[in-house]
Amino acid sequence: MIEDYGIELLQMMEHAGRGLARQASTRFLDDSLHGKNVIVLAGKGGNGVGALVAARRLHCWGANDSVSFPLSRKIRLPVV
Protein backbone atom coordinates (compact mmCIF):
# COMPACT_ATOMS: atom_id res chain seq x y z
CA MET A 1 0.00 0.00 0.00
CA ILE A 2 2.83 2.37 0.81
CA GLU A 3 4.39 1.89 -2.61
CA ASP A 4 1.05 1.85 -4.45
CA TYR A 5 -0.24 5.16 -3.09
CA GLY A 6 2.96 6.94 -2.12
CA ILE A 7 1.94 7.32 1.52
CA GLU A 8 4.69 7.19 4.12
CA LEU A 9 4.34 4.63 6.92
CA LEU A 10 4.59 7.30 9.61
CA GLN A 11 1.80 9.27 7.94
CA MET A 12 -0.40 6.16 7.82
CA MET A 13 0.14 5.50 11.53
CA GLU A 14 -0.63 9.14 12.35
CA HIS A 15 -3.91 8.96 10.41
CA ALA A 16 -4.84 5.64 12.05
CA GLY A 17 -4.15 7.01 15.53
CA ARG A 18 -6.16 10.14 14.85
CA GLY A 19 -9.07 8.03 13.61
CA LEU A 20 -8.86 5.84 16.70
CA ALA A 21 -8.86 8.89 18.98
CA ARG A 22 -11.84 10.35 17.15
CA GLN A 23 -13.77 7.07 17.43
CA ALA A 24 -12.96 6.74 21.14
CA SER A 25 -14.00 10.33 21.75
CA THR A 26 -17.30 9.91 19.93
CA ARG A 27 -18.30 6.40 21.01
CA PHE A 28 -17.12 6.26 24.60
CA LEU A 29 -16.69 9.84 25.82
CA ASP A 30 -19.61 11.66 24.14
CA ASP A 31 -17.09 14.10 22.59
CA SER A 32 -16.58 15.60 26.05
CA LEU A 33 -12.90 14.99 26.85
CA HIS A 34 -11.98 17.74 29.29
CA GLY A 35 -11.06 16.19 32.61
CA LYS A 36 -11.98 12.63 31.56
CA ASN A 37 -9.57 9.87 32.58
CA VAL A 38 -8.50 7.61 29.72
CA ILE A 39 -6.25 4.54 29.79
CA VAL A 40 -4.58 3.56 26.51
CA LEU A 41 -3.08 0.08 26.15
CA ALA A 42 -0.32 0.07 23.54
CA GLY A 43 0.99 -3.17 22.10
CA LYS A 44 3.98 -3.84 19.88
CA GLY A 45 4.44 -2.75 16.29
CA GLY A 46 2.35 -0.42 14.18
CA ASN A 47 -0.80 -0.87 16.24
CA GLY A 48 1.10 0.20 19.33
CA VAL A 49 2.25 3.33 17.54
CA GLY A 50 -1.35 4.03 16.55
CA ALA A 51 -2.34 3.73 20.21
CA LEU A 52 0.38 6.21 21.19
CA VAL A 53 -0.81 8.65 18.54
CA ALA A 54 -4.38 8.26 19.83
CA ALA A 55 -3.20 8.93 23.39
CA ARG A 56 -1.38 12.07 22.27
CA ARG A 57 -4.45 13.30 20.39
CA LEU A 58 -6.79 12.60 23.32
CA HIS A 59 -4.42 14.46 25.63
CA CYS A 60 -4.27 17.44 23.26
CA TRP A 61 -8.07 17.46 23.18
CA GLY A 62 -8.26 17.71 26.98
CA ALA A 63 -8.32 14.15 28.33
CA ASN A 64 -6.20 13.00 31.25
CA ASP A 65 -4.58 9.98 29.65
CA SER A 66 -2.32 7.25 30.86
CA VAL A 67 -0.47 4.84 28.56
CA SER A 68 0.31 1.28 29.55
CA PHE A 69 2.60 -1.12 27.69
CA PRO A 70 2.25 -4.91 27.90
CA LEU A 71 4.95 -6.91 29.60
CA SER A 72 7.70 -7.91 27.22
CA ARG A 73 8.16 -11.30 28.86
CA LYS A 74 6.06 -13.75 30.78
CA ILE A 75 6.28 -13.57 34.54
CA ARG A 76 5.37 -16.58 36.64
CA LEU A 77 3.53 -15.68 39.79
CA PRO A 78 4.11 -17.90 42.81
CA VAL A 79 1.31 -20.28 43.70
CA VAL A 80 0.00 -19.48 47.16
Foldseek 3Di string as FASTA:
>chain_A
DCVVPVDDLVNVLLVLLVVVLVCCCVPPVVVDAAAAEEEFEAEDDSRNSSSVSSQVVSVVSHHRYDYDYDDPDDDDDDDD
